[in-house]
Protein backbone atom coordinates (compact mmCIF):
# COMPACT_ATOMS: atom_id res chain seq x y z
CA UNK A 1 18.19 61.31 3.60
CA UNK A 2 15.57 58.99 2.05
CA UNK A 3 13.02 57.43 4.35
CA UNK A 4 11.96 53.72 3.58
CA UNK A 5 9.65 51.77 5.73
CA UNK A 6 12.54 50.47 7.98
CA UNK A 7 14.09 53.61 8.77
CA UNK A 8 10.78 55.36 9.19
CA UNK A 9 9.66 52.72 11.75
CA UNK A 10 13.04 52.78 13.45
CA UNK A 11 12.36 56.62 13.91
CA UNK A 12 8.87 56.11 15.24
CA UNK A 13 10.12 53.29 17.86
CA UNK A 14 12.82 55.78 18.87
CA UNK A 15 10.71 58.85 19.32
CA UNK A 16 8.23 56.55 21.44
CA UNK A 17 11.08 55.07 23.53
CA UNK A 18 12.67 58.55 24.16
CA UNK A 19 9.05 59.72 25.35
CA UNK A 20 8.21 56.79 27.38
CA UNK A 21 11.74 56.79 29.00
CA UNK A 22 10.97 60.82 29.95
CA UNK A 23 7.78 59.71 31.56
CA UNK A 24 9.40 56.93 33.57
CA UNK A 25 12.34 59.18 34.29
CA UNK A 26 10.38 61.92 35.71
CA UNK A 27 7.96 59.54 37.83
CA UNK A 28 4.79 61.20 36.96
CA UNK A 29 2.88 58.05 36.86
CA UNK A 30 3.65 54.45 37.97
CA UNK A 31 5.76 52.26 35.60
CA UNK A 32 3.37 49.58 35.32
CA UNK A 33 0.72 52.36 33.75
CA UNK A 34 3.25 54.02 31.59
CA UNK A 35 4.44 50.76 29.85
CA UNK A 36 1.06 48.88 29.64
CA UNK A 37 -1.37 51.73 28.66
CA UNK A 38 0.77 54.89 27.64
CA UNK A 39 3.53 53.17 25.46
CA UNK A 40 1.46 51.18 23.32
CA UNK A 41 -1.20 54.15 22.94
CA UNK A 42 1.72 56.27 21.58
CA UNK A 43 2.83 53.41 19.16
CA UNK A 44 -0.68 53.27 17.85
CA UNK A 45 -1.31 57.06 17.32
CA UNK A 46 2.35 57.11 15.65
CA UNK A 47 1.34 54.22 13.52
CA UNK A 48 -1.89 55.83 12.61
CA UNK A 49 -0.56 59.38 12.02
CA UNK A 50 2.18 57.68 9.73
CA UNK A 51 -0.29 55.75 7.65
CA UNK A 52 -2.51 58.94 6.91
CA UNK A 53 0.75 60.87 6.12
CA UNK A 54 1.68 58.41 3.47
CA UNK A 55 -1.55 58.29 2.08
CA UNK A 56 -1.83 62.37 1.87
CA UNK A 57 1.63 62.48 0.39
CA UNK A 58 0.70 59.79 -2.26
CA UNK A 59 -2.48 61.71 -3.15
CA UNK A 60 -0.19 65.18 -3.41
CA UNK A 61 2.50 63.42 -5.67
CA UNK A 62 -0.73 61.89 -7.89
CA UNK A 63 -2.30 65.30 -8.10
CA UNK A 64 0.68 67.73 -8.66
């Protein structure tokens, strides 16, 4: 399966949604804290890691 930007973004959102649902379902922290602090930070970290991974992949493809 080839990953293009829409599929990769959808996969990132799906992973964050599953993680957020798990935190909400387990009752580890209040709902407002989970939705206002944890979910956005998970999305930001995922997007940052994705961007670094793309740049690293481009570097490896160019210097192979």
